[in-house]
Amino acid sequence: MNHLLKVPLLAGRAFSSSARQLKNRVPEAQKLFQEDNGLPVHLKGGTRDVLLYRVTMTLTIAGTCYSLYWLLTASMPQKKA
């Protein structure tokens, strides 16, 4: 039961600002995204962004084709055996 009394203290330590200091990387990101290099903003993040974009587009196109296939299949009259 005593350990339950320590929960507020431990939670306060976990969220305190003195626990660790993070480096401010916003200026670096601003330089990267404001750079005029001809790339669209959703691809300026590098290789990870390009891979995420390509996977998303592949899944979108595959899902659209799959949906159209089943729509076409459902619209055809069934043969009576």
PDB file of N, CA and C in Angstrom:
ATOM      1  N   MET A   1       0.823  -1.188   0.000  1.00  0.00           N
ATOM      2  CA  MET A   1       0.000   0.000   0.000  1.00  0.00           C
ATOM      3  C   MET A   1       0.870   1.256   0.000  1.00  0.00           C
ATOM      4  N   ASN A   2       2.042   1.140   0.562  1.00  0.00           N
ATOM      5  CA  ASN A   2       2.946   2.280   0.645  1.00  0.00           C
ATOM      6  C   ASN A   2       3.426   2.721  -0.738  1.00  0.00           C
ATOM      7  N   HIS A   3       3.535   1.761  -1.655  1.00  0.00           N
ATOM      8  CA  HIS A   3       4.001   2.111  -3.003  1.00  0.00           C
ATOM      9  C   HIS A   3       2.984   2.949  -3.762  1.00  0.00           C
ATOM     10  N   LEU A   4       1.709   2.861  -3.409  1.00  0.00           N
ATOM     11  CA  LEU A   4       0.698   3.689  -4.055  1.00  0.00           C
ATOM     12  C   LEU A   4       0.833   5.157  -3.673  1.00  0.00           C
ATOM     13  N   LEU A   5       1.387   5.422  -2.517  1.00  0.00           N
ATOM     14  CA  LEU A   5       1.569   6.800  -2.086  1.00  0.00           C
ATOM     15  C   LEU A   5       2.715   7.480  -2.839  1.00  0.00           C
ATOM     16  N   LYS A   6       3.589   6.686  -3.417  1.00  0.00           N
ATOM     17  CA  LYS A   6       4.736   7.239  -4.146  1.00  0.00           C
ATOM     18  C   LYS A   6       4.410   7.562  -5.606  1.00  0.00           C
ATOM     19  N   VAL A   7       3.254   7.138  -6.096  1.00  0.00           N
ATOM     20  CA  VAL A   7       2.902   7.340  -7.503  1.00  0.00           C
ATOM     21  C   VAL A   7       2.902   8.817  -7.898  1.00  0.00           C
ATOM     22  N   PRO A   8       2.274   9.735  -7.145  1.00  0.00           N
ATOM     23  CA  PRO A   8       2.315  11.140  -7.562  1.00  0.00           C
ATOM     24  C   PRO A   8       3.739  11.708  -7.628  1.00  0.00           C
ATOM     25  N   LEU A   9       4.581  11.287  -6.709  1.00  0.00           N
ATOM     26  CA  LEU A   9       5.963  11.767  -6.702  1.00  0.00           C
ATOM     27  C   LEU A   9       6.711  11.267  -7.937  1.00  0.00           C
ATOM     28  N   LEU A  10       6.546   9.987  -8.260  1.00  0.00           N
ATOM     29  CA  LEU A  10       7.221   9.421  -9.429  1.00  0.00           C
ATOM     30  C   LEU A  10       6.682  10.012 -10.723  1.00  0.00           C
ATOM     31  N   ALA A  11       5.384  10.267 -10.776  1.00  0.00           N
ATOM     32  CA  ALA A  11       4.803  10.870 -11.973  1.00  0.00           C
ATOM     33  C   ALA A  11       5.327  12.298 -12.164  1.00  0.00           C
ATOM     34  N   GLY A  12       5.480  13.010 -11.076  1.00  0.00           N
ATOM     35  CA  GLY A  12       6.023  14.369 -11.163  1.00  0.00           C
ATOM     36  C   GLY A  12       7.453  14.372 -11.658  1.00  0.00           C
ATOM     37  N   ARG A  13       8.233  13.398 -11.238  1.00  0.00           N
ATOM     38  CA  ARG A  13       9.623  13.312 -11.706  1.00  0.00           C
ATOM     39  C   ARG A  13       9.689  12.951 -13.183  1.00  0.00           C
ATOM     40  N   ALA A  14       8.787  12.088 -13.631  1.00  0.00           N
ATOM     41  CA  ALA A  14       8.809  11.643 -15.023  1.00  0.00           C
ATOM     42  C   ALA A  14       8.494  12.784 -15.980  1.00  0.00           C
ATOM     43  N   PHE A  15       7.670  13.738 -15.552  1.00  0.00           N
ATOM     44  CA  PHE A  15       7.256  14.809 -16.439  1.00  0.00           C
ATOM     45  C   PHE A  15       7.907  16.148 -16.114  1.00  0.00           C
ATOM     46  N   SER A  16       8.862  16.157 -15.235  1.00  0.00           N
ATOM     47  CA  SER A  16       9.495  17.425 -14.890  1.00  0.00           C
ATOM     48  C   SER A  16      10.453  17.854 -15.996  1.00  0.00           C
ATOM     49  N   SER A  17      10.662  19.138 -16.119  1.00  0.00           N
ATOM     50  CA  SER A  17      11.527  19.642 -17.185  1.00  0.00           C
ATOM     51  C   SER A  17      13.005  19.501 -16.848  1.00  0.00           C
ATOM     52  N   SER A  18      13.312  19.234 -15.607  1.00  0.00           N
ATOM     53  CA  SER A  18      14.718  19.104 -15.241  1.00  0.00           C
ATOM     54  C   SER A  18      15.228  17.682 -15.435  1.00  0.00           C
ATOM     55  N   ALA A  19      14.371  16.762 -15.818  1.00  0.00           N
ATOM     56  CA  ALA A  19      14.786  15.375 -15.987  1.00  0.00           C
ATOM     57  C   ALA A  19      15.784  15.240 -17.139  1.00  0.00           C
ATOM     58  N   ARG A  20      15.471  15.866 -18.255  1.00  0.00           N
ATOM     59  CA  ARG A  20      16.390  15.842 -19.396  1.00  0.00           C
ATOM     60  C   ARG A  20      16.099  17.034 -20.281  1.00  0.00           C
ATOM     61  N   GLN A  21      17.100  17.498 -20.918  1.00  0.00           N
ATOM     62  CA  GLN A  21      16.958  18.635 -21.810  1.00  0.00           C
ATOM     63  C   GLN A  21      17.093  18.132 -23.252  1.00  0.00           C
ATOM     64  N   LEU A  22      16.100  18.419 -24.070  1.00  0.00           N
ATOM     65  CA  LEU A  22      16.136  18.029 -25.473  1.00  0.00           C
ATOM     66  C   LEU A  22      16.652  19.185 -26.314  1.00  0.00           C
ATOM     67  N   LYS A  23      17.391  18.823 -27.347  1.00  0.00           N
ATOM     68  CA  LYS A  23      17.923  19.835 -28.246  1.00  0.00           C
ATOM     69  C   LYS A  23      16.802  20.351 -29.143  1.00  0.00           C
ATOM     70  N   ASN A  24      16.749  21.649 -29.325  1.00  0.00           N
ATOM     71  CA  ASN A  24      15.743  22.253 -30.184  1.00  0.00           C
ATOM     72  C   ASN A  24      16.164  22.068 -31.645  1.00  0.00           C
ATOM     73  N   ARG A  25      15.450  21.201 -32.358  1.00  0.00           N
ATOM     74  CA  ARG A  25      15.791  20.912 -33.751  1.00  0.00           C
ATOM     75  C   ARG A  25      14.872  21.612 -34.736  1.00  0.00           C
ATOM     76  N   VAL A  26      14.024  22.488 -34.262  1.00  0.00           N
ATOM     77  CA  VAL A  26      13.083  23.184 -35.141  1.00  0.00           C
ATOM     78  C   VAL A  26      13.799  24.057 -36.177  1.00  0.00           C
ATOM     79  N   PRO A  27      14.815  24.843 -35.803  1.00  0.00           N
ATOM     80  CA  PRO A  27      15.487  25.658 -36.837  1.00  0.00           C
ATOM     81  C   PRO A  27      16.092  24.830 -37.965  1.00  0.00           C
ATOM     82  N   GLU A  28      16.637  23.653 -37.625  1.00  0.00           N
ATOM     83  CA  GLU A  28      17.200  22.782 -38.665  1.00  0.00           C
ATOM     84  C   GLU A  28      16.106  22.294 -39.601  1.00  0.00           C
ATOM     85  N   ALA A  29      14.964  21.915 -39.045  1.00  0.00           N
ATOM     86  CA  ALA A  29      13.850  21.441 -39.866  1.00  0.00           C
ATOM     87  C   ALA A  29      13.295  22.578 -40.729  1.00  0.00           C
ATOM     88  N   GLN A  30      13.254  23.778 -40.188  1.00  0.00           N
ATOM     89  CA  GLN A  30      12.769  24.915 -40.971  1.00  0.00           C
ATOM     90  C   GLN A  30      13.665  25.165 -42.173  1.00  0.00           C
ATOM     91  N   LYS A  31      14.983  25.101 -41.977  1.00  0.00           N
ATOM     92  CA  LYS A  31      15.911  25.288 -43.097  1.00  0.00           C
ATOM     93  C   LYS A  31      15.694  24.222 -44.162  1.00  0.00           C
ATOM     94  N   LEU A  32      15.508  22.972 -43.710  1.00  0.00           N
ATOM     95  CA  LEU A  32      15.321  21.865 -44.644  1.00  0.00           C
ATOM     96  C   LEU A  32      14.057  22.038 -45.472  1.00  0.00           C
ATOM     97  N   PHE A  33      12.948  22.391 -44.827  1.00  0.00           N
ATOM     98  CA  PHE A  33      11.675  22.458 -45.529  1.00  0.00           C
ATOM     99  C   PHE A  33      11.482  23.761 -46.299  1.00  0.00           C
ATOM    100  N   GLN A  34      12.204  24.813 -45.965  1.00  0.00           N
ATOM    101  CA  GLN A  34      12.087  26.069 -46.693  1.00  0.00           C
ATOM    102  C   GLN A  34      13.084  26.175 -47.851  1.00  0.00           C
ATOM    103  N   GLU A  35      13.977  25.221 -47.950  1.00  0.00           N
ATOM    104  CA  GLU A  35      14.970  25.206 -49.016  1.00  0.00           C
ATOM    105  C   GLU A  35      14.276  25.025 -50.365  1.00  0.00           C
ATOM    106  N   ASP A  36      14.682  25.797 -51.350  1.00  0.00           N
ATOM    107  CA  ASP A  36      14.079  25.722 -52.689  1.00  0.00           C
ATOM    108  C   ASP A  36      14.892  24.750 -53.537  1.00  0.00           C
ATOM    109  N   ASN A  37      14.511  23.462 -53.496  1.00  0.00           N
ATOM    110  CA  ASN A  37      15.237  22.452 -54.260  1.00  0.00           C
ATOM    111  C   ASN A  37      14.334  21.722 -55.261  1.00  0.00           C
ATOM    112  N   GLY A  38      13.127  22.248 -55.478  1.00  0.00           N
ATOM    113  CA  GLY A  38      12.238  21.677 -56.480  1.00  0.00           C
ATOM    114  C   GLY A  38      11.434  20.480 -56.020  1.00  0.00           C
ATOM    115  N   LEU A  39      11.627  20.022 -54.811  1.00  0.00           N
ATOM    116  CA  LEU A  39      10.877  18.878 -54.299  1.00  0.00           C
ATOM    117  C   LEU A  39       9.583  19.343 -53.636  1.00  0.00           C
ATOM    118  N   PRO A  40       8.525  18.543 -53.752  1.00  0.00           N
ATOM    119  CA  PRO A  40       7.320  18.876 -52.997  1.00  0.00           C
ATOM    120  C   PRO A  40       7.570  18.702 -51.501  1.00  0.00           C
ATOM    121  N   VAL A  41       6.811  19.394 -50.695  1.00  0.00           N
ATOM    122  CA  VAL A  41       7.082  19.427 -49.257  1.00  0.00           C
ATOM    123  C   VAL A  41       6.949  18.041 -48.617  1.00  0.00           C
ATOM    124  N   HIS A  42       6.101  17.182 -49.174  1.00  0.00           N
ATOM    125  CA  HIS A  42       5.931  15.860 -48.567  1.00  0.00           C
ATOM    126  C   HIS A  42       7.070  14.903 -48.897  1.00  0.00           C
ATOM    127  N   LEU A  43       8.020  15.322 -49.708  1.00  0.00           N
ATOM    128  CA  LEU A  43       9.177  14.481 -50.013  1.00  0.00           C
ATOM    129  C   LEU A  43      10.494  15.086 -49.534  1.00  0.00           C
ATOM    130  N   LYS A  44      10.461  16.235 -48.900  1.00  0.00           N
ATOM    131  CA  LYS A  44      11.693  16.912 -48.489  1.00  0.00           C
ATOM    132  C   LYS A  44      12.360  16.267 -47.285  1.00  0.00           C
ATOM    133  N   GLY A  45      11.666  15.379 -46.597  1.00  0.00           N
ATOM    134  CA  GLY A  45      12.211  14.757 -45.394  1.00  0.00           C
ATOM    135  C   GLY A  45      13.270  13.714 -45.663  1.00  0.00           C
ATOM    136  N   GLY A  46      13.411  13.275 -46.904  1.00  0.00           N
ATOM    137  CA  GLY A  46      14.452  12.314 -47.232  1.00  0.00           C
ATOM    138  C   GLY A  46      13.889  10.961 -47.654  1.00  0.00           C
ATOM    139  N   THR A  47      14.720   9.943 -47.485  1.00  0.00           N
ATOM    140  CA  THR A  47      14.399   8.599 -47.952  1.00  0.00           C
ATOM    141  C   THR A  47      13.165   8.028 -47.268  1.00  0.00           C
ATOM    142  N   ARG A  48      13.031   8.268 -45.989  1.00  0.00           N
ATOM    143  CA  ARG A  48      11.873   7.746 -45.252  1.00  0.00           C
ATOM    144  C   ARG A  48      10.570   8.310 -45.803  1.00  0.00           C
ATOM    145  N   ASP A  49      10.560   9.589 -46.133  1.00  0.00           N
ATOM    146  CA  ASP A  49       9.367  10.205 -46.699  1.00  0.00           C
ATOM    147  C   ASP A  49       9.046   9.629 -48.075  1.00  0.00           C
ATOM    148  N   VAL A  50      10.066   9.406 -48.881  1.00  0.00           N
ATOM    149  CA  VAL A  50       9.859   8.849 -50.216  1.00  0.00           C
ATOM    150  C   VAL A  50       9.287   7.438 -50.109  1.00  0.00           C
ATOM    151  N   LEU A  51       9.843   6.624 -49.216  1.00  0.00           N
ATOM    152  CA  LEU A  51       9.338   5.258 -49.040  1.00  0.00           C
ATOM    153  C   LEU A  51       7.899   5.261 -48.526  1.00  0.00           C
ATOM    154  N   LEU A  52       7.615   6.109 -47.567  1.00  0.00           N
ATOM    155  CA  LEU A  52       6.261   6.198 -47.033  1.00  0.00           C
ATOM    156  C   LEU A  52       5.287   6.638 -48.121  1.00  0.00           C
ATOM    157  N   TYR A  53       5.676   7.585 -48.942  1.00  0.00           N
ATOM    158  CA  TYR A  53       4.838   8.064 -50.042  1.00  0.00           C
ATOM    159  C   TYR A  53       4.567   6.942 -51.039  1.00  0.00           C
ATOM    160  N   ARG A  54       5.612   6.213 -51.418  1.00  0.00           N
ATOM    161  CA  ARG A  54       5.449   5.148 -52.411  1.00  0.00           C
ATOM    162  C   ARG A  54       4.600   3.997 -51.884  1.00  0.00           C
ATOM    163  N   VAL A  55       4.793   3.632 -50.627  1.00  0.00           N
ATOM    164  CA  VAL A  55       3.975   2.572 -50.030  1.00  0.00           C
ATOM    165  C   VAL A  55       2.516   3.013 -49.967  1.00  0.00           C
ATOM    166  N   THR A  56       2.287   4.251 -49.571  1.00  0.00           N
ATOM    167  CA  THR A  56       0.923   4.765 -49.493  1.00  0.00           C
ATOM    168  C   THR A  56       0.259   4.769 -50.861  1.00  0.00           C
ATOM    169  N   MET A  57       0.962   5.234 -51.871  1.00  0.00           N
ATOM    170  CA  MET A  57       0.385   5.274 -53.216  1.00  0.00           C
ATOM    171  C   MET A  57       0.137   3.865 -53.752  1.00  0.00           C
ATOM    172  N   THR A  58       1.042   2.925 -53.482  1.00  0.00           N
ATOM    173  CA  THR A  58       0.860   1.547 -53.926  1.00  0.00           C
ATOM    174  C   THR A  58      -0.372   0.921 -53.280  1.00  0.00           C
ATOM    175  N   LEU A  59      -0.521   1.103 -51.983  1.00  0.00           N
ATOM    176  CA  LEU A  59      -1.691   0.559 -51.294  1.00  0.00           C
ATOM    177  C   LEU A  59      -2.981   1.212 -51.769  1.00  0.00           C
ATOM    178  N   THR A  60      -2.934   2.499 -52.049  1.00  0.00           N
ATOM    179  CA  THR A  60      -4.121   3.199 -52.533  1.00  0.00           C
ATOM    180  C   THR A  60      -4.540   2.685 -53.904  1.00  0.00           C
ATOM    181  N   ILE A  61      -3.589   2.542 -54.813  1.00  0.00           N
ATOM    182  CA  ILE A  61      -3.900   2.063 -56.159  1.00  0.00           C
ATOM    183  C   ILE A  61      -4.362   0.605 -56.113  1.00  0.00           C
ATOM    184  N   ALA A  62      -3.694  -0.221 -55.315  1.00  0.00           N
ATOM    185  CA  ALA A  62      -4.091  -1.628 -55.197  1.00  0.00           C
ATOM    186  C   ALA A  62      -5.498  -1.744 -54.605  1.00  0.00           C
ATOM    187  N   GLY A  63      -5.795  -0.957 -53.597  1.00  0.00           N
ATOM    188  CA  GLY A  63      -7.126  -0.992 -52.995  1.00  0.00           C
ATOM    189  C   GLY A  63      -8.201  -0.517 -53.951  1.00  0.00           C
ATOM    190  N   THR A  64      -7.897   0.498 -54.750  1.00  0.00           N
ATOM    191  CA  THR A  64      -8.853   0.986 -55.738  1.00  0.00           C
ATOM    192  C   THR A  64      -9.120  -0.077 -56.798  1.00  0.00           C
ATOM    193  N   CYS A  65      -8.068  -0.710 -57.283  1.00  0.00           N
ATOM    194  CA  CYS A  65      -8.235  -1.777 -58.284  1.00  0.00           C
ATOM    195  C   CYS A  65      -9.030  -2.944 -57.716  1.00  0.00           C
ATOM    196  N   TYR A  66      -8.739  -3.316 -56.488  1.00  0.00           N
ATOM    197  CA  TYR A  66      -9.455  -4.414 -55.823  1.00  0.00           C
ATOM    198  C   TYR A  66     -10.934  -4.073 -55.677  1.00  0.00           C
ATOM    199  N   SER A  67     -11.237  -2.849 -55.299  1.00  0.00           N
ATOM    200  CA  SER A  67     -12.625  -2.416 -55.149  1.00  0.00           C
ATOM    201  C   SER A  67     -13.344  -2.409 -56.496  1.00  0.00           C
ATOM    202  N   LEU A  68     -12.683  -1.923 -57.528  1.00  0.00           N
ATOM    203  CA  LEU A  68     -13.291  -1.908 -58.859  1.00  0.00           C
ATOM    204  C   LEU A  68     -13.532  -3.316 -59.382  1.00  0.00           C
ATOM    205  N   TYR A  69     -12.609  -4.229 -59.107  1.00  0.00           N
ATOM    206  CA  TYR A  69     -12.782  -5.622 -59.514  1.00  0.00           C
ATOM    207  C   TYR A  69     -14.047  -6.206 -58.890  1.00  0.00           C
ATOM    208  N   TRP A  70     -14.215  -6.027 -57.586  1.00  0.00           N
ATOM    209  CA  TRP A  70     -15.387  -6.599 -56.923  1.00  0.00           C
ATOM    210  C   TRP A  70     -16.664  -5.872 -57.310  1.00  0.00           C
ATOM    211  N   LEU A  71     -16.579  -4.599 -57.615  1.00  0.00           N
ATOM    212  CA  LEU A  71     -17.748  -3.874 -58.098  1.00  0.00           C
ATOM    213  C   LEU A  71     -18.175  -4.420 -59.462  1.00  0.00           C
ATOM    214  N   LEU A  72     -17.206  -4.663 -60.339  1.00  0.00           N
ATOM    215  CA  LEU A  72     -17.498  -5.248 -61.646  1.00  0.00           C
ATOM    216  C   LEU A  72     -18.042  -6.661 -61.495  1.00  0.00           C
ATOM    217  N   THR A  73     -17.463  -7.460 -60.618  1.00  0.00           N
ATOM    218  CA  THR A  73     -17.924  -8.825 -60.385  1.00  0.00           C
ATOM    219  C   THR A  73     -19.357  -8.835 -59.849  1.00  0.00           C
ATOM    220  N   ALA A  74     -19.659  -7.929 -58.951  1.00  0.00           N
ATOM    221  CA  ALA A  74     -21.002  -7.880 -58.367  1.00  0.00           C
ATOM    222  C   ALA A  74     -22.036  -7.367 -59.359  1.00  0.00           C
ATOM    223  N   SER A  75     -21.619  -6.616 -60.350  1.00  0.00           N
ATOM    224  CA  SER A  75     -22.573  -6.051 -61.305  1.00  0.00           C
ATOM    225  C   SER A  75     -22.925  -7.031 -62.421  1.00  0.00           C
ATOM    226  N   MET A  76     -22.163  -8.086 -62.579  1.00  0.00           N
ATOM    227  CA  MET A  76     -22.446  -9.070 -63.623  1.00  0.00           C
ATOM    228  C   MET A  76     -23.503 -10.055 -63.136  1.00  0.00           C
ATOM    229  N   PRO A  77     -24.439 -10.417 -64.013  1.00  0.00           N
ATOM    230  CA  PRO A  77     -25.430 -11.400 -63.588  1.00  0.00           C
ATOM    231  C   PRO A  77     -24.792 -12.779 -63.424  1.00  0.00           C
ATOM    232  N   GLN A  78     -25.283 -13.519 -62.436  1.00  0.00           N
ATOM    233  CA  GLN A  78     -24.717 -14.836 -62.182  1.00  0.00           C
ATOM    234  C   GLN A  78     -25.316 -15.845 -63.161  1.00  0.00           C
ATOM    235  N   LYS A  79     -24.494 -16.788 -63.558  1.00  0.00           N
ATOM    236  CA  LYS A  79     -24.965 -17.842 -64.469  1.00  0.00           C
ATOM    237  C   LYS A  79     -25.768 -18.857 -63.659  1.00  0.00           C
ATOM    238  N   LYS A  80     -26.878 -19.321 -64.235  1.00  0.00           N
ATOM    239  CA  LYS A  80     -27.677 -20.347 -63.563  1.00  0.00           C
ATOM    240  C   LYS A  80     -27.183 -21.705 -64.025  1.00  0.00           C
ATOM    241  N   ALA A  81     -26.903 -22.551 -63.058  1.00  0.00           N
ATOM    242  CA  ALA A  81     -26.354 -23.869 -63.397  1.00  0.00           C
ATOM    243  C   ALA A  81     -27.412 -24.885 -63.679  1.00  0.00           C
TER     244      ALA A  81
END
